[in-house]
Amino acid sequence: MWGGRFAEGPSAVMREINASIPFDKRMWRQDIAASKAHATMLGAQGIVAADDVAAILAGLDQVAADYERGGPADDLALEDIHMQTEARLTDKIGAAAGRLHTARSRNDQVATDFRLWVRDAIDEVLGALDSLQDALLARAEQHAGDVMPGFTHLQSAQPVTLGHHLMAYHAMVARDASRFADARARMNRCPLGAAALAGTGFPIDRDATAAALGFDGPTANSLDSVSDRDFAIDYLASAAQCALHLSRLAEEFVLWASQPFGFVALSDQWSTGSSIMPQKRNPDAAELVRGHSGRILGCQMALMVTMKGLPLAYSKDMQDDKPPVFEAHDLLGLSIAAMTGMIESATFRTDRMRAVADAGFATATDLADWLVREAGLPFREAHHVTGRAVARAEALGRKLEAMPLAELTAIDARIDARVFDVLSIDASVASRRSFGGTAPDRVREAIAAGRALREKRA
């Protein structure tokens, strides 16, 4: 392809380190699409004769059919998917294939193909996140009124509903989807026509190729066009944040499935056994999702470090831009699918959740709030009084709601029998009616809002 300048071929090691075909062959569909758009534009502009353009387009269809059947070959001599496609095209149509590369470089070609691939990857992720949100909405609706302990510091804090807890993850996933959508909108400009770095002297129509490939328009600066990988870093940043959210949910499933918690039973589809302990039921899928998050974060860091300090325009370092994106995409897709499956099929043990919520003085804040609201105490004083009440209840081995009124009035004479109206976990949950709160009617409102947004996107 570039041998006219060189008297000798590359060494075996150089051939191997220089080749990207083992991984960039994943972009063959994007390479075919961009090549067809470029050829069509060359014909429309009168740069390449119509007969040659027709031969090129037909030949590219034949190459695509070959790829569909057997995929691109790992031929290191052809370096990358772009050279392999051109070589196969030459085999199909002869010398006319050499006209395809008029007014383009592999620099703008790879930048275009990679953008197309990342854009397709974002669309895949958005579809998967829609399914995950649907699963969360369905299970949250099912458990909108089921009480469970809410935690801070992994200590029982205040009662909430399982539906509210699941909707917290729905909010996270909705933000993840918005980040991917923002990244897609920002990257949707076409580098094709920037050529190697300076543009081209041929009278090309960059708007036409951009439109043909579904971009909003061409990129504005030829140097930036071939050297920019912000779109890939944006994708990885969105993937990393999404993976962190999935990891948090996976960690909760790992904890909840353990015997001390006993909050959830994972289906056989998402569990494994032990080679030596027949009683074991391991939440391996959740643990792998948790582990994948670290690898996805590593992919983001790898590309950012690769791009750090590169002078304009293209440098061969940038050939290493694709493996971390491909790896992260594969891992993220598996992680989203696994968590969706676990949520859809899990059996939530709401009786166990309720028992734990009822066991840890989780309504202490309700007592403090009652003292503020009904007895007029400043909150800090109410907090102190409540702390004494909890200590006394603990000493007596009683729940707050089961404390004798005399015990409570001995702590503070302003407490009266009305306090028992707020000390049950059901009363506590029902009272949290502020916007975004855990009261079942508020949870159902949030579910309805989530469904409305989902239908609007669809």
Protein backbone atom coordinates (compact mmCIF):
# COMPACT_ATOMS: atom_id res chain seq x y z
CA MET A 1 0.00 0.00 0.00
CA TRP A 2 2.81 2.40 0.82
CA GLY A 3 5.80 0.39 -0.45
CA GLY A 4 6.94 2.82 -3.17
CA ARG A 5 9.00 4.78 -0.66
CA PHE A 6 10.71 1.73 0.88
CA ALA A 7 13.30 -0.67 -0.52
CA GLU A 8 12.70 -3.37 2.08
CA GLY A 9 9.62 -4.81 3.71
CA PRO A 10 8.95 -4.56 7.45
CA SER A 11 10.44 -7.00 9.92
CA ALA A 12 8.21 -9.68 11.36
CA VAL A 13 8.00 -7.80 14.65
CA MET A 14 7.24 -4.53 12.89
CA ARG A 15 4.56 -6.24 10.85
CA GLU A 16 2.93 -7.56 14.02
CA ILE A 17 3.15 -4.40 16.12
CA ASN A 18 1.92 -2.27 13.22
CA ALA A 19 -1.12 -4.37 12.37
CA SER A 20 -4.53 -3.63 13.85
CA ILE A 21 -6.62 -6.03 11.76
CA PRO A 22 -7.03 -8.53 14.66
CA PHE A 23 -9.22 -5.98 16.48
CA ASP A 24 -10.32 -3.29 14.02
CA LYS A 25 -11.96 -5.89 11.77
CA ARG A 26 -14.97 -5.34 14.03
CA MET A 27 -15.52 -2.11 12.11
CA TRP A 28 -15.99 -3.72 8.70
CA ARG A 29 -19.64 -2.70 8.40
CA GLN A 30 -18.76 0.90 9.18
CA ASP A 31 -15.83 0.77 6.73
CA ILE A 32 -18.08 -0.50 3.94
CA ALA A 33 -20.75 2.13 4.68
CA ALA A 34 -18.26 5.02 4.76
CA SER A 35 -16.54 3.80 1.59
CA LYS A 36 -19.86 3.63 -0.26
CA ALA A 37 -20.79 7.14 0.87
CA HIS A 38 -17.38 8.43 -0.24
CA ALA A 39 -17.57 6.71 -3.63
CA THR A 40 -21.08 8.02 -4.26
CA MET A 41 -19.94 11.57 -3.44
CA LEU A 42 -16.89 11.23 -5.74
CA GLY A 43 -19.22 10.28 -8.57
CA ALA A 44 -21.71 13.07 -7.86
CA GLN A 45 -18.88 15.61 -7.87
CA GLY A 46 -17.45 14.32 -11.15
CA ILE A 47 -14.18 13.36 -9.48
CA VAL A 48 -14.51 9.68 -10.42
CA ALA A 49 -16.29 8.44 -13.55
CA ALA A 50 -19.78 7.01 -13.12
CA ASP A 51 -18.78 3.58 -14.48
CA ASP A 52 -15.98 3.28 -11.94
CA VAL A 53 -18.27 4.39 -9.12
CA ALA A 54 -20.84 1.78 -10.12
CA ALA A 55 -18.14 -0.90 -10.15
CA ILE A 56 -16.84 0.24 -6.76
CA LEU A 57 -20.29 0.17 -5.17
CA ALA A 58 -21.09 -3.26 -6.58
CA GLY A 59 -17.69 -4.55 -5.51
CA LEU A 60 -18.13 -3.21 -1.99
CA ASP A 61 -21.43 -5.10 -1.76
CA GLN A 62 -19.58 -8.27 -2.77
CA VAL A 63 -16.88 -7.65 -0.16
CA ALA A 64 -19.56 -7.09 2.47
CA ALA A 65 -21.20 -10.39 1.51
CA ASP A 66 -17.82 -12.12 1.90
CA TYR A 67 -17.41 -10.57 5.35
CA GLU A 68 -20.91 -11.66 6.36
CA ARG A 69 -20.06 -15.24 5.46
CA GLY A 70 -16.58 -15.56 6.92
CA GLY A 71 -15.45 -12.24 8.35
CA PRO A 72 -12.26 -10.35 7.51
CA ALA A 73 -9.05 -12.40 7.62
CA ASP A 74 -6.31 -11.75 10.19
CA ASP A 75 -3.81 -10.90 7.43
CA LEU A 76 -1.07 -8.86 9.09
CA ALA A 77 0.34 -7.88 5.70
CA LEU A 78 -2.82 -5.85 5.06
CA GLU A 79 -2.49 -4.12 8.46
CA ASP A 80 -6.06 -2.98 9.05
CA ILE A 81 -9.65 -3.31 7.95
CA HIS A 82 -9.30 -0.40 5.53
CA MET A 83 -6.43 -1.96 3.58
CA GLN A 84 -8.08 -5.37 3.64
CA THR A 85 -11.31 -3.98 2.22
CA GLU A 86 -9.44 -2.17 -0.55
CA ALA A 87 -7.42 -5.30 -1.34
CA ARG A 88 -10.55 -7.43 -1.55
CA LEU A 89 -12.23 -4.77 -3.67
CA THR A 90 -9.26 -4.85 -6.05
CA ASP A 91 -9.65 -8.62 -6.34
CA LYS A 92 -13.30 -8.09 -7.27
CA ILE A 93 -13.14 -5.20 -9.75
CA GLY A 94 -9.50 -4.61 -10.63
CA ALA A 95 -7.81 -1.23 -11.09
CA ALA A 96 -10.99 0.80 -10.61
CA ALA A 97 -10.72 -0.02 -6.90
CA GLY A 98 -7.71 2.27 -6.68
CA ARG A 99 -9.93 5.28 -7.37
CA LEU A 100 -11.87 4.81 -4.14
CA HIS A 101 -9.10 6.32 -2.05
CA THR A 102 -9.18 9.58 -4.02
CA ALA A 103 -9.55 12.61 -1.68
CA ARG A 104 -9.35 10.60 1.52
CA SER A 105 -6.67 9.24 3.85
CA ARG A 106 -6.68 6.36 6.26
CA ASN A 107 -6.59 9.09 8.92
CA ASP A 108 -10.03 10.49 8.14
CA GLN A 109 -11.23 7.03 7.13
CA VAL A 110 -10.48 5.46 10.50
CA ALA A 111 -11.80 8.50 12.37
CA THR A 112 -15.08 8.17 10.47
CA ASP A 113 -15.37 4.40 10.86
CA PHE A 114 -14.63 4.60 14.57
CA ARG A 115 -17.23 7.32 15.11
CA LEU A 116 -19.79 5.24 13.27
CA TRP A 117 -18.91 2.21 15.41
CA VAL A 118 -19.13 4.15 18.67
CA ARG A 119 -22.43 5.68 17.59
CA ASP A 120 -23.81 2.20 16.90
CA ALA A 121 -22.44 1.03 20.27
CA ILE A 122 -24.26 3.87 22.04
CA ASP A 123 -27.51 2.88 20.34
CA GLU A 124 -27.00 -0.70 21.58
CA VAL A 125 -26.36 0.48 25.13
CA LEU A 126 -29.39 2.78 25.12
CA GLY A 127 -31.59 -0.13 24.06
CA ALA A 128 -30.15 -2.31 26.84
CA LEU A 129 -30.63 0.45 29.42
CA ASP A 130 -34.26 0.79 28.34
CA SER A 131 -34.75 -2.90 29.18
CA LEU A 132 -33.02 -2.46 32.53
CA GLN A 133 -35.23 0.53 33.38
CA ASP A 134 -38.33 -1.45 32.39
CA ALA A 135 -37.29 -4.26 34.75
CA LEU A 136 -36.68 -1.83 37.61
CA LEU A 137 -40.03 -0.11 37.06
CA ALA A 138 -41.91 -3.41 37.00
CA ARG A 139 -40.36 -4.72 40.21
CA ALA A 140 -40.65 -1.33 41.95
CA GLU A 141 -44.36 -1.25 41.15
CA GLN A 142 -44.75 -4.77 42.51
CA HIS A 143 -43.09 -3.76 45.78
CA ALA A 144 -44.12 -0.10 46.11
CA GLY A 145 -45.57 -0.70 49.58
CA ASP A 146 -43.25 -3.40 50.93
CA VAL A 147 -41.19 -2.11 53.85
CA MET A 148 -37.46 -2.76 54.13
CA PRO A 149 -34.67 -1.19 56.16
CA GLY A 150 -32.98 1.84 54.70
CA PHE A 151 -29.28 2.00 55.49
CA THR A 152 -26.55 4.54 56.07
CA HIS A 153 -23.06 3.24 56.86
CA LEU A 154 -24.68 -0.18 56.25
CA GLN A 155 -26.49 0.33 59.55
CA SER A 156 -30.27 0.29 59.80
CA ALA A 157 -31.32 3.93 59.55
CA GLN A 158 -34.98 4.53 58.59
CA PRO A 159 -37.60 2.28 57.01
CA VAL A 160 -38.17 2.69 53.30
CA THR A 161 -40.01 0.63 50.71
CA LEU A 162 -38.36 -1.84 48.38
CA GLY A 163 -40.02 -0.02 45.51
CA HIS A 164 -38.35 3.21 46.59
CA HIS A 165 -35.00 1.46 46.85
CA LEU A 166 -35.29 0.03 43.34
CA MET A 167 -36.36 3.41 41.97
CA ALA A 168 -33.10 4.86 43.27
CA TYR A 169 -31.33 2.61 40.77
CA HIS A 170 -33.82 3.59 38.11
CA ALA A 171 -32.77 7.21 38.66
CA MET A 172 -29.11 6.22 38.27
CA VAL A 173 -29.77 4.29 35.07
CA ALA A 174 -31.80 7.19 33.67
CA ARG A 175 -28.79 9.46 34.20
CA ASP A 176 -26.57 6.88 32.54
CA ALA A 177 -28.85 6.87 29.50
CA SER A 178 -28.77 10.67 29.36
CA ARG A 179 -24.96 10.66 29.42
CA PHE A 180 -24.80 8.24 26.50
CA ALA A 181 -27.39 10.29 24.60
CA ASP A 182 -25.40 13.48 25.23
CA ALA A 183 -22.21 11.79 24.04
CA ARG A 184 -23.98 10.64 20.88
CA ALA A 185 -25.28 14.11 20.09
CA ARG A 186 -21.86 15.68 20.66
CA MET A 187 -19.97 13.20 18.47
CA ASN A 188 -22.37 13.24 15.52
CA ARG A 189 -20.13 15.14 13.10
CA CYS A 190 -18.38 13.50 10.17
CA PRO A 191 -14.55 13.64 9.77
CA LEU A 192 -14.61 12.20 6.23
CA GLY A 193 -12.98 14.64 3.81
CA ALA A 194 -10.41 15.96 6.28
CA ALA A 195 -7.98 13.63 4.46
CA ALA A 196 -4.60 13.16 6.16
CA LEU A 197 -4.72 16.39 8.16
CA ALA A 198 -5.09 19.42 5.87
CA GLY A 199 -8.18 18.71 3.82
CA THR A 200 -8.02 18.04 0.07
CA GLY A 201 -7.74 19.99 -3.17
CA PHE A 202 -10.46 17.90 -4.82
CA PRO A 203 -13.91 19.54 -5.00
CA ILE A 204 -15.53 17.15 -2.53
CA ASP A 205 -18.92 17.63 -0.86
CA ARG A 206 -18.46 16.90 2.83
CA ASP A 207 -22.05 17.76 3.63
CA ALA A 208 -23.20 15.02 1.26
CA THR A 209 -21.07 12.29 2.85
CA ALA A 210 -22.06 13.46 6.33
CA ALA A 211 -25.75 13.28 5.45
CA ALA A 212 -25.38 9.89 3.77
CA LEU A 213 -23.88 8.46 6.96
CA GLY A 214 -26.47 9.99 9.29
CA PHE A 215 -24.27 12.70 10.76
CA ASP A 216 -25.54 16.18 11.57
CA GLY A 217 -22.81 17.70 9.40
CA PRO A 218 -19.06 17.62 8.81
CA THR A 219 -16.44 18.36 11.44
CA ALA A 220 -15.15 21.92 11.33
CA ASN A 221 -11.35 21.60 11.43
CA SER A 222 -9.33 19.08 9.43
CA LEU A 223 -6.54 18.81 12.03
CA ASP A 224 -8.99 18.18 14.83
CA SER A 225 -11.01 15.81 12.65
CA VAL A 226 -8.26 13.21 12.38
CA SER A 227 -6.73 13.67 15.84
CA ASP A 228 -9.90 13.84 17.96
CA ARG A 229 -10.86 10.86 20.08
CA ASP A 230 -13.03 12.79 22.54
CA PHE A 231 -16.03 10.80 21.30
CA ALA A 232 -14.37 7.54 22.38
CA ILE A 233 -13.39 8.97 25.75
CA ASP A 234 -16.94 10.30 26.19
CA TYR A 235 -18.24 6.81 25.50
CA LEU A 236 -15.84 5.29 28.02
CA ALA A 237 -16.66 7.92 30.63
CA SER A 238 -20.36 7.15 30.24
CA ALA A 239 -19.63 3.43 30.34
CA ALA A 240 -17.51 3.80 33.47
CA GLN A 241 -20.21 5.72 35.33
CA CYS A 242 -22.83 3.21 34.24
CA ALA A 243 -20.58 0.35 35.37
CA LEU A 244 -20.20 1.99 38.79
CA HIS A 245 -23.97 2.07 39.18
CA LEU A 246 -24.29 -1.54 38.06
CA SER A 247 -21.56 -2.50 40.51
CA ARG A 248 -23.42 -0.89 43.41
CA LEU A 249 -26.59 -2.78 42.51
CA ALA A 250 -24.61 -6.00 42.09
CA GLU A 251 -22.99 -5.51 45.49
CA GLU A 252 -26.40 -5.15 47.11
CA PHE A 253 -27.55 -8.36 45.46
CA VAL A 254 -24.43 -10.11 46.79
CA LEU A 255 -25.15 -8.85 50.31
CA TRP A 256 -28.89 -9.44 50.14
CA ALA A 257 -28.42 -13.02 48.90
CA SER A 258 -26.20 -13.91 51.87
CA GLN A 259 -27.72 -15.78 54.80
CA PRO A 260 -27.23 -12.95 57.33
CA PHE A 261 -29.34 -10.66 55.14
CA GLY A 262 -31.64 -13.12 53.40
CA PHE A 263 -33.38 -10.35 51.48
CA VAL A 264 -33.31 -11.99 48.04
CA ALA A 265 -33.09 -15.39 46.40
CA LEU A 266 -31.46 -15.33 42.98
CA SER A 267 -32.81 -17.70 40.38
CA ASP A 268 -30.82 -20.73 39.22
CA GLN A 269 -30.15 -18.85 35.97
CA TRP A 270 -27.99 -16.31 37.77
CA SER A 271 -26.35 -18.49 40.44
CA THR A 272 -23.66 -21.16 40.57
CA GLY A 273 -22.76 -23.92 42.99
CA SER A 274 -19.60 -25.02 44.72
CA SER A 275 -17.32 -27.85 43.61
CA ILE A 276 -16.98 -29.06 47.20
CA MET A 277 -19.84 -27.59 49.26
CA PRO A 278 -23.17 -28.88 47.91
CA GLN A 279 -25.27 -26.45 49.94
CA LYS A 280 -23.73 -23.36 48.31
CA ARG A 281 -25.66 -21.02 46.03
CA ASN A 282 -23.22 -18.37 44.85
CA PRO A 283 -24.22 -15.01 43.30
CA ASP A 284 -21.44 -15.26 40.71
CA ALA A 285 -23.20 -13.19 38.05
CA ALA A 286 -23.50 -10.26 40.43
CA GLU A 287 -19.89 -10.67 41.52
CA LEU A 288 -18.73 -10.65 37.90
CA VAL A 289 -20.70 -7.48 37.19
CA ARG A 290 -18.99 -5.94 40.21
CA GLY A 291 -15.62 -7.09 38.87
CA HIS A 292 -16.27 -5.89 35.34
CA SER A 293 -16.67 -2.34 36.59
CA GLY A 294 -12.98 -2.25 37.47
CA ARG A 295 -11.99 -3.40 34.01
CA ILE A 296 -14.23 -0.79 32.38
CA LEU A 297 -12.69 1.93 34.53
CA GLY A 298 -9.28 0.66 33.42
CA CYS A 299 -10.32 0.95 29.77
CA GLN A 300 -11.24 4.60 30.29
CA MET A 301 -7.91 5.33 31.94
CA ALA A 302 -6.00 3.45 29.22
CA LEU A 303 -7.37 5.62 26.41
CA MET A 304 -7.02 8.86 28.34
CA VAL A 305 -3.35 8.11 29.02
CA THR A 306 -2.82 7.13 25.38
CA MET A 307 -4.16 10.50 24.23
CA LYS A 308 -2.35 12.54 26.85
CA GLY A 309 0.17 14.91 25.27
CA LEU A 310 -0.13 13.76 21.65
CA PRO A 311 0.83 16.55 19.23
CA LEU A 312 -1.43 17.28 16.27
CA ALA A 313 -2.42 15.59 14.13
CA TYR A 314 -2.45 11.78 13.86
CA SER A 315 0.08 9.60 15.67
CA LYS A 316 0.31 5.81 15.57
CA ASP A 317 -0.35 5.70 19.32
CA MET A 318 -3.97 6.31 18.35
CA GLN A 319 -4.17 2.85 16.82
CA ASP A 320 -4.53 1.71 20.43
CA ASP A 321 -7.75 3.69 20.81
CA LYS A 322 -10.05 0.84 19.80
CA PRO A 323 -9.20 -2.15 22.05
CA PRO A 324 -10.25 -0.41 25.30
CA VAL A 325 -13.49 0.81 23.73
CA PHE A 326 -14.29 -2.62 22.29
CA GLU A 327 -13.49 -4.33 25.60
CA ALA A 328 -15.53 -1.88 27.65
CA HIS A 329 -18.50 -2.19 25.30
CA ASP A 330 -18.50 -5.98 25.49
CA LEU A 331 -18.21 -5.98 29.29
CA LEU A 332 -20.88 -3.31 29.71
CA GLY A 333 -23.32 -5.17 27.49
CA LEU A 334 -22.86 -8.35 29.53
CA SER A 335 -23.21 -6.44 32.79
CA ILE A 336 -26.44 -4.69 31.81
CA ALA A 337 -27.96 -7.91 30.50
CA ALA A 338 -26.97 -9.80 33.67
CA MET A 339 -28.41 -7.20 36.04
CA THR A 340 -31.60 -6.98 33.98
CA GLY A 341 -32.02 -10.75 34.19
CA MET A 342 -31.34 -10.82 37.92
CA ILE A 343 -33.87 -8.07 38.64
CA GLU A 344 -36.54 -9.70 36.49
CA SER A 345 -36.16 -13.15 38.07
CA ALA A 346 -35.17 -12.43 41.70
CA THR A 347 -37.45 -13.44 44.55
CA PHE A 348 -37.49 -10.62 47.09
CA ARG A 349 -38.07 -11.91 50.63
CA THR A 350 -40.17 -9.04 51.84
CA ASP A 351 -41.06 -10.76 55.11
CA ARG A 352 -37.39 -10.87 56.05
CA MET A 353 -36.90 -7.25 54.94
CA ARG A 354 -39.82 -6.15 57.08
CA ALA A 355 -38.55 -8.02 60.13
CA VAL A 356 -35.13 -6.38 59.88
CA ALA A 357 -36.67 -2.95 59.32
CA ASP A 358 -38.70 -3.44 62.49
CA ALA A 359 -35.76 -4.49 64.63
CA GLY A 360 -33.29 -1.61 64.70
CA PHE A 361 -35.07 1.42 66.24
CA ALA A 362 -35.57 2.62 62.68
CA THR A 363 -38.40 4.97 63.73
CA ALA A 364 -36.26 6.97 66.16
CA THR A 365 -36.25 9.92 63.77
CA ASP A 366 -40.05 9.80 63.75
CA LEU A 367 -40.03 10.23 67.52
CA ALA A 368 -37.68 13.20 67.21
CA ASP A 369 -39.85 14.72 64.48
CA TRP A 370 -42.97 14.24 66.64
CA LEU A 371 -41.29 16.09 69.53
CA VAL A 372 -40.52 18.98 67.20
CA ARG A 373 -43.94 19.04 65.57
CA GLU A 374 -46.22 18.31 68.56
CA ALA A 375 -44.22 19.36 71.62
CA GLY A 376 -42.38 22.34 70.11
CA LEU A 377 -38.84 21.18 70.97
CA PRO A 378 -35.89 22.41 68.92
CA PHE A 379 -34.66 19.49 66.81
CA ARG A 380 -31.33 19.22 68.62
CA GLU A 381 -33.12 18.86 71.95
CA ALA A 382 -35.57 16.39 70.40
CA HIS A 383 -32.62 14.41 69.07
CA HIS A 384 -31.16 14.20 72.58
CA VAL A 385 -34.47 13.12 74.12
CA THR A 386 -34.91 10.47 71.44
CA GLY A 387 -31.42 9.16 72.04
CA ARG A 388 -32.28 8.64 75.71
CA ALA A 389 -35.51 6.89 74.71
CA VAL A 390 -33.62 4.53 72.40
CA ALA A 391 -31.10 3.74 75.13
CA ARG A 392 -33.91 2.96 77.57
CA ALA A 393 -35.75 0.79 75.03
CA GLU A 394 -32.55 -1.09 74.30
CA ALA A 395 -32.03 -1.70 78.01
CA LEU A 396 -35.58 -3.04 78.32
CA GLY A 397 -35.30 -5.14 75.16
CA ARG A 398 -38.31 -3.43 73.59
CA LYS A 399 -39.10 -1.69 70.33
CA LEU A 400 -39.87 2.02 70.58
CA GLU A 401 -43.50 1.43 69.64
CA ALA A 402 -43.79 -1.17 72.43
CA MET A 403 -42.39 1.07 75.14
CA PRO A 404 -44.77 1.76 78.06
CA LEU A 405 -45.95 5.34 77.95
CA ALA A 406 -44.77 5.79 81.54
CA GLU A 407 -41.21 4.99 80.47
CA LEU A 408 -41.35 7.61 77.74
CA THR A 409 -42.91 10.33 79.90
CA ALA A 410 -40.27 9.63 82.54
CA ILE A 411 -37.71 10.66 79.93
CA ASP A 412 -39.67 13.75 78.88
CA ALA A 413 -43.04 14.75 80.30
CA ARG A 414 -44.09 16.38 77.03
CA ILE A 415 -44.48 12.95 75.38
CA ASP A 416 -48.09 11.72 75.32
CA ALA A 417 -50.01 8.77 73.90
CA ARG A 418 -50.29 10.36 70.46
CA VAL A 419 -46.65 9.47 69.86
CA PHE A 420 -47.57 5.85 69.20
CA ASP A 421 -49.32 6.93 66.00
CA VAL A 422 -45.90 7.59 64.40
CA LEU A 423 -43.67 4.87 65.84
CA SER A 424 -44.61 1.91 63.63
CA ILE A 425 -42.56 1.26 60.48
CA ASP A 426 -45.70 1.51 58.34
CA ALA A 427 -46.56 4.91 59.80
CA SER A 428 -42.99 6.04 59.31
CA VAL A 429 -42.93 5.05 55.66
CA ALA A 430 -46.37 6.52 54.98
CA SER A 431 -45.36 9.85 56.50
CA ARG A 432 -42.41 10.41 54.15
CA ARG A 433 -44.53 12.16 51.55
CA SER A 434 -42.14 14.91 50.51
CA PHE A 435 -41.36 14.90 46.79
CA GLY A 436 -38.99 12.04 46.11
CA GLY A 437 -39.81 10.39 49.42
CA THR A 438 -40.50 6.76 50.23
CA ALA A 439 -44.25 6.95 50.92
CA PRO A 440 -45.91 4.33 48.70
CA ASP A 441 -48.05 6.88 46.87
CA ARG A 442 -44.93 8.93 46.09
CA VAL A 443 -43.17 5.79 44.86
CA ARG A 444 -46.07 5.04 42.54
CA GLU A 445 -45.95 8.62 41.25
CA ALA A 446 -42.23 8.18 40.49
CA ILE A 447 -42.94 4.91 38.67
CA ALA A 448 -45.64 6.60 36.58
CA ALA A 449 -43.26 9.44 35.72
CA GLY A 450 -40.57 6.94 34.74
CA ARG A 451 -42.98 5.09 32.49
CA ALA A 452 -44.14 8.32 30.87
CA LEU A 453 -40.56 9.27 30.01
CA ARG A 454 -39.94 5.78 28.66
CA GLU A 455 -42.98 6.00 26.38
CA LYS A 456 -41.91 9.45 25.21
CA ARG A 457 -38.47 8.12 24.22
CA ALA A 458 -40.00 5.14 22.46
